[in-house]
Amino acid sequence: MAASNSGPISAEARAALGEAIRLVFARWTTLQVAVENEWGGRDSRAKADQFGESILSWFCRSKGPYFFEDLVDMMEDKIVKSFNADLDNNSVQDQLFSYREVKEFTCSGK
């Protein structure tokens, strides 16, 4: 599935998207458990913040096309490497749909 990436987004849209990613992360149970229990070590919170920045950067790149399957792969890789967690419950895919909806909303100017 190709991502709708029409180029760089405005600073305002980037800020809104960043905030939306933080809100989605706050509701992502698996990630919150990983951070609270320091599955990634004492710097688990910083790793989660960097993870969010990685997603924001992915959505804001100016070249394409990008595929959501690539984002899923990146997210799963980050979870495994940063938090020593292997997710088999479609957790990443569930979050991905939230991000896509948020990006479409913030970039449409609504």
N, C-alpha and C. Protein backbone atom coordinates (compact mmCIF):
# COMPACT_ATOMS: atom_id res chain seq x y z
N MET A 1 0.85 -1.16 0.00
CA MET A 1 0.00 0.00 0.00
C MET A 1 0.90 1.23 0.00
N ALA A 2 0.76 2.06 -1.00
CA ALA A 2 1.59 3.26 -1.11
C ALA A 2 1.10 4.33 -0.15
N ALA A 3 2.04 5.04 0.40
CA ALA A 3 1.71 6.15 1.30
C ALA A 3 1.39 7.37 0.48
N SER A 4 0.49 8.19 0.99
CA SER A 4 0.20 9.45 0.32
C SER A 4 1.19 10.48 0.82
N ASN A 5 2.26 10.65 0.10
CA ASN A 5 3.32 11.57 0.52
C ASN A 5 3.53 12.56 -0.61
N SER A 6 3.00 13.75 -0.45
CA SER A 6 3.06 14.74 -1.51
C SER A 6 4.21 15.72 -1.32
N GLY A 7 5.16 15.39 -0.49
CA GLY A 7 6.30 16.27 -0.30
C GLY A 7 6.35 16.81 1.10
N PRO A 8 7.21 17.79 1.30
CA PRO A 8 7.38 18.34 2.64
C PRO A 8 6.08 18.92 3.17
N ILE A 9 5.89 18.82 4.46
CA ILE A 9 4.69 19.40 5.06
C ILE A 9 5.08 20.68 5.77
N SER A 10 4.10 21.50 6.04
CA SER A 10 4.36 22.79 6.69
C SER A 10 4.84 22.55 8.13
N ALA A 11 5.46 23.56 8.70
CA ALA A 11 5.93 23.48 10.08
C ALA A 11 4.75 23.25 11.03
N GLU A 12 3.63 23.88 10.73
CA GLU A 12 2.44 23.72 11.57
C GLU A 12 1.92 22.28 11.50
N ALA A 13 1.87 21.72 10.29
CA ALA A 13 1.41 20.34 10.13
C ALA A 13 2.39 19.38 10.78
N ARG A 14 3.70 19.66 10.66
CA ARG A 14 4.72 18.81 11.28
C ARG A 14 4.55 18.80 12.80
N ALA A 15 4.30 19.96 13.39
CA ALA A 15 4.11 20.04 14.84
C ALA A 15 2.85 19.27 15.26
N ALA A 16 1.78 19.41 14.50
CA ALA A 16 0.54 18.70 14.81
C ALA A 16 0.73 17.20 14.67
N LEU A 17 1.45 16.79 13.64
CA LEU A 17 1.70 15.37 13.43
C LEU A 17 2.57 14.82 14.57
N GLY A 18 3.59 15.57 14.97
CA GLY A 18 4.44 15.15 16.08
C GLY A 18 3.65 14.96 17.36
N GLU A 19 2.76 15.89 17.64
CA GLU A 19 1.91 15.78 18.84
C GLU A 19 0.98 14.58 18.73
N ALA A 20 0.43 14.35 17.56
CA ALA A 20 -0.46 13.20 17.36
C ALA A 20 0.30 11.89 17.56
N ILE A 21 1.53 11.81 17.08
CA ILE A 21 2.34 10.61 17.28
C ILE A 21 2.57 10.38 18.77
N ARG A 22 2.87 11.44 19.51
CA ARG A 22 3.06 11.30 20.96
C ARG A 22 1.77 10.80 21.63
N LEU A 23 0.63 11.28 21.19
CA LEU A 23 -0.65 10.83 21.76
C LEU A 23 -0.93 9.37 21.44
N VAL A 24 -0.63 8.97 20.20
CA VAL A 24 -0.82 7.56 19.82
C VAL A 24 0.13 6.69 20.64
N PHE A 25 1.37 7.12 20.81
CA PHE A 25 2.33 6.38 21.63
C PHE A 25 1.82 6.22 23.05
N ALA A 26 1.21 7.26 23.59
CA ALA A 26 0.71 7.22 24.96
C ALA A 26 -0.38 6.17 25.13
N ARG A 27 -1.10 5.87 24.05
CA ARG A 27 -2.17 4.87 24.10
C ARG A 27 -1.70 3.49 23.67
N TRP A 28 -0.47 3.36 23.21
CA TRP A 28 0.05 2.09 22.72
C TRP A 28 0.53 1.28 23.92
N THR A 29 -0.29 0.36 24.37
CA THR A 29 -0.04 -0.40 25.58
C THR A 29 1.31 -1.10 25.57
N THR A 30 1.62 -1.80 24.49
CA THR A 30 2.86 -2.55 24.43
C THR A 30 4.07 -1.64 24.60
N LEU A 31 4.07 -0.50 23.94
CA LEU A 31 5.19 0.43 24.06
C LEU A 31 5.27 1.00 25.48
N GLN A 32 4.14 1.34 26.05
CA GLN A 32 4.15 1.90 27.41
C GLN A 32 4.67 0.89 28.43
N VAL A 33 4.29 -0.38 28.28
CA VAL A 33 4.80 -1.42 29.17
C VAL A 33 6.31 -1.56 29.00
N ALA A 34 6.77 -1.51 27.76
CA ALA A 34 8.20 -1.62 27.48
C ALA A 34 8.97 -0.48 28.14
N VAL A 35 8.43 0.73 28.07
CA VAL A 35 9.10 1.89 28.66
C VAL A 35 9.05 1.80 30.18
N GLU A 36 7.88 1.55 30.74
CA GLU A 36 7.72 1.52 32.19
C GLU A 36 8.57 0.43 32.84
N ASN A 37 8.72 -0.70 32.17
CA ASN A 37 9.50 -1.81 32.72
C ASN A 37 10.94 -1.81 32.23
N GLU A 38 11.31 -0.74 31.54
CA GLU A 38 12.68 -0.53 31.07
C GLU A 38 13.22 -1.72 30.28
N TRP A 39 12.39 -2.22 29.36
CA TRP A 39 12.84 -3.33 28.51
C TRP A 39 14.03 -2.91 27.67
N GLY A 40 14.14 -1.62 27.41
CA GLY A 40 15.26 -1.10 26.62
C GLY A 40 16.36 -0.52 27.48
N GLY A 41 16.32 -0.79 28.78
CA GLY A 41 17.31 -0.25 29.70
C GLY A 41 16.81 1.03 30.34
N ARG A 42 17.70 1.68 31.07
CA ARG A 42 17.32 2.89 31.80
C ARG A 42 16.94 4.05 30.89
N ASP A 43 17.38 4.00 29.66
CA ASP A 43 17.05 5.08 28.72
C ASP A 43 15.87 4.71 27.82
N SER A 44 14.98 3.87 28.32
CA SER A 44 13.82 3.44 27.53
C SER A 44 12.95 4.61 27.09
N ARG A 45 12.76 5.60 27.96
CA ARG A 45 11.94 6.77 27.60
C ARG A 45 12.59 7.51 26.44
N ALA A 46 13.90 7.70 26.48
CA ALA A 46 14.60 8.38 25.39
C ALA A 46 14.50 7.57 24.10
N LYS A 47 14.57 6.26 24.22
CA LYS A 47 14.43 5.40 23.03
C LYS A 47 13.03 5.53 22.44
N ALA A 48 12.03 5.61 23.29
CA ALA A 48 10.66 5.78 22.80
C ALA A 48 10.50 7.13 22.11
N ASP A 49 11.11 8.18 22.68
CA ASP A 49 11.05 9.50 22.07
C ASP A 49 11.73 9.49 20.70
N GLN A 50 12.89 8.84 20.61
CA GLN A 50 13.60 8.74 19.33
C GLN A 50 12.79 7.93 18.32
N PHE A 51 12.11 6.92 18.80
CA PHE A 51 11.24 6.10 17.95
C PHE A 51 10.16 6.98 17.33
N GLY A 52 9.56 7.84 18.15
CA GLY A 52 8.55 8.76 17.64
C GLY A 52 9.12 9.72 16.61
N GLU A 53 10.32 10.22 16.86
CA GLU A 53 10.98 11.11 15.89
C GLU A 53 11.26 10.39 14.58
N SER A 54 11.60 9.11 14.65
CA SER A 54 11.84 8.33 13.44
C SER A 54 10.58 8.22 12.59
N ILE A 55 9.45 8.04 13.26
CA ILE A 55 8.18 7.95 12.54
C ILE A 55 7.83 9.30 11.92
N LEU A 56 8.00 10.36 12.69
CA LEU A 56 7.73 11.70 12.17
C LEU A 56 8.60 11.99 10.95
N SER A 57 9.86 11.66 11.03
CA SER A 57 10.77 11.87 9.90
C SER A 57 10.33 11.07 8.69
N TRP A 58 9.88 9.85 8.92
CA TRP A 58 9.43 9.01 7.81
C TRP A 58 8.28 9.68 7.07
N PHE A 59 7.33 10.21 7.81
CA PHE A 59 6.18 10.86 7.19
C PHE A 59 6.53 12.18 6.52
N CYS A 60 7.60 12.83 6.95
CA CYS A 60 7.91 14.17 6.46
C CYS A 60 8.95 14.19 5.34
N ARG A 61 9.46 13.05 4.95
CA ARG A 61 10.44 13.03 3.86
C ARG A 61 9.82 13.56 2.58
N SER A 62 10.66 14.15 1.75
CA SER A 62 10.14 14.80 0.55
C SER A 62 10.17 13.92 -0.69
N LYS A 63 10.89 12.82 -0.66
CA LYS A 63 10.96 11.95 -1.84
C LYS A 63 10.08 10.73 -1.62
N GLY A 64 9.70 10.09 -2.68
CA GLY A 64 8.86 8.90 -2.55
C GLY A 64 8.92 8.10 -3.81
N PRO A 65 8.06 7.16 -4.02
CA PRO A 65 6.95 6.79 -3.14
C PRO A 65 7.44 5.99 -1.94
N TYR A 66 6.65 6.03 -0.89
CA TYR A 66 6.92 5.25 0.30
C TYR A 66 5.78 4.28 0.50
N PHE A 67 6.10 3.18 1.07
CA PHE A 67 5.10 2.15 1.30
C PHE A 67 4.97 1.90 2.79
N PHE A 68 3.72 1.77 3.25
CA PHE A 68 3.47 1.57 4.67
C PHE A 68 4.10 0.28 5.18
N GLU A 69 4.25 -0.70 4.29
CA GLU A 69 4.93 -1.93 4.69
C GLU A 69 6.36 -1.62 5.13
N ASP A 70 7.00 -0.64 4.47
CA ASP A 70 8.35 -0.24 4.86
C ASP A 70 8.34 0.38 6.26
N LEU A 71 7.32 1.16 6.56
CA LEU A 71 7.20 1.76 7.88
C LEU A 71 6.98 0.68 8.94
N VAL A 72 6.13 -0.29 8.63
CA VAL A 72 5.91 -1.40 9.56
C VAL A 72 7.23 -2.10 9.85
N ASP A 73 7.99 -2.38 8.79
CA ASP A 73 9.29 -3.04 8.97
C ASP A 73 10.22 -2.21 9.85
N MET A 74 10.27 -0.89 9.61
CA MET A 74 11.12 -0.01 10.40
C MET A 74 10.67 -0.01 11.87
N MET A 75 9.36 0.07 12.09
CA MET A 75 8.84 0.10 13.45
C MET A 75 9.12 -1.21 14.18
N GLU A 76 8.89 -2.32 13.50
CA GLU A 76 9.15 -3.62 14.14
C GLU A 76 10.64 -3.76 14.46
N ASP A 77 11.50 -3.31 13.55
CA ASP A 77 12.94 -3.37 13.78
C ASP A 77 13.33 -2.54 15.00
N LYS A 78 12.76 -1.33 15.11
CA LYS A 78 13.06 -0.45 16.25
C LYS A 78 12.60 -1.08 17.57
N ILE A 79 11.42 -1.69 17.57
CA ILE A 79 10.90 -2.33 18.78
C ILE A 79 11.84 -3.45 19.22
N VAL A 80 12.26 -4.27 18.26
CA VAL A 80 13.14 -5.40 18.59
C VAL A 80 14.49 -4.89 19.09
N LYS A 81 15.09 -3.94 18.37
CA LYS A 81 16.43 -3.47 18.73
C LYS A 81 16.43 -2.58 19.97
N SER A 82 15.43 -1.74 20.13
CA SER A 82 15.43 -0.80 21.25
C SER A 82 14.89 -1.38 22.54
N PHE A 83 13.91 -2.28 22.42
CA PHE A 83 13.22 -2.76 23.62
C PHE A 83 13.27 -4.27 23.80
N ASN A 84 14.02 -4.94 22.95
CA ASN A 84 14.14 -6.40 23.04
C ASN A 84 12.77 -7.07 23.08
N ALA A 85 11.84 -6.55 22.30
CA ALA A 85 10.48 -7.07 22.26
C ALA A 85 10.15 -7.55 20.86
N ASP A 86 9.59 -8.72 20.76
CA ASP A 86 9.16 -9.26 19.49
C ASP A 86 7.64 -9.32 19.53
N LEU A 87 7.00 -8.49 18.73
CA LEU A 87 5.55 -8.37 18.76
C LEU A 87 4.90 -9.28 17.72
N ASP A 88 4.03 -10.14 18.18
CA ASP A 88 3.31 -11.02 17.27
C ASP A 88 1.82 -10.73 17.26
N ASN A 89 1.42 -9.59 17.79
CA ASN A 89 -0.01 -9.32 17.98
C ASN A 89 -0.55 -8.21 17.08
N ASN A 90 0.12 -7.92 15.98
CA ASN A 90 -0.30 -6.85 15.06
C ASN A 90 -0.30 -5.48 15.71
N SER A 91 0.41 -5.34 16.80
CA SER A 91 0.48 -4.07 17.52
C SER A 91 1.00 -2.95 16.63
N VAL A 92 2.05 -3.22 15.87
CA VAL A 92 2.63 -2.19 15.00
C VAL A 92 1.64 -1.80 13.91
N GLN A 93 1.00 -2.79 13.29
CA GLN A 93 0.05 -2.48 12.23
C GLN A 93 -1.12 -1.66 12.75
N ASP A 94 -1.58 -1.96 13.96
CA ASP A 94 -2.66 -1.18 14.55
C ASP A 94 -2.25 0.28 14.72
N GLN A 95 -1.02 0.52 15.18
CA GLN A 95 -0.53 1.88 15.36
C GLN A 95 -0.36 2.57 14.01
N LEU A 96 0.09 1.82 13.04
CA LEU A 96 0.32 2.38 11.71
C LEU A 96 -0.95 2.99 11.14
N PHE A 97 -2.07 2.32 11.29
CA PHE A 97 -3.32 2.87 10.77
C PHE A 97 -3.68 4.16 11.49
N SER A 98 -3.38 4.25 12.77
CA SER A 98 -3.62 5.50 13.51
C SER A 98 -2.76 6.62 12.94
N TYR A 99 -1.48 6.34 12.68
CA TYR A 99 -0.58 7.35 12.13
C TYR A 99 -1.03 7.82 10.76
N ARG A 100 -1.44 6.88 9.93
CA ARG A 100 -1.86 7.25 8.58
C ARG A 100 -3.07 8.17 8.63
N GLU A 101 -4.03 7.84 9.47
CA GLU A 101 -5.22 8.68 9.60
C GLU A 101 -4.85 10.07 10.12
N VAL A 102 -3.96 10.12 11.09
CA VAL A 102 -3.54 11.40 11.66
C VAL A 102 -2.80 12.22 10.62
N LYS A 103 -1.90 11.60 9.87
CA LYS A 103 -1.14 12.33 8.86
C LYS A 103 -2.08 12.91 7.80
N GLU A 104 -3.03 12.10 7.33
CA GLU A 104 -3.97 12.59 6.34
C GLU A 104 -4.77 13.76 6.87
N PHE A 105 -5.15 13.70 8.15
CA PHE A 105 -5.91 14.77 8.76
C PHE A 105 -5.07 16.03 8.92
N THR A 106 -3.86 15.91 9.44
CA THR A 106 -3.04 17.10 9.70
C THR A 106 -2.55 17.73 8.41
N CYS A 107 -2.30 16.94 7.40
CA CYS A 107 -1.77 17.48 6.16
C CYS A 107 -2.86 18.00 5.23
N SER A 108 -4.10 17.68 5.55
CA SER A 108 -5.19 18.18 4.71
C SER A 108 -5.65 19.57 5.15
N GLY A 109 -5.12 20.02 6.30
CA GLY A 109 -5.44 21.36 6.78
C GLY A 109 -6.74 21.44 7.53
N LYS A 110 -7.31 20.29 7.91
CA LYS A 110 -8.58 20.28 8.65
C LYS A 110 -8.36 20.57 10.10
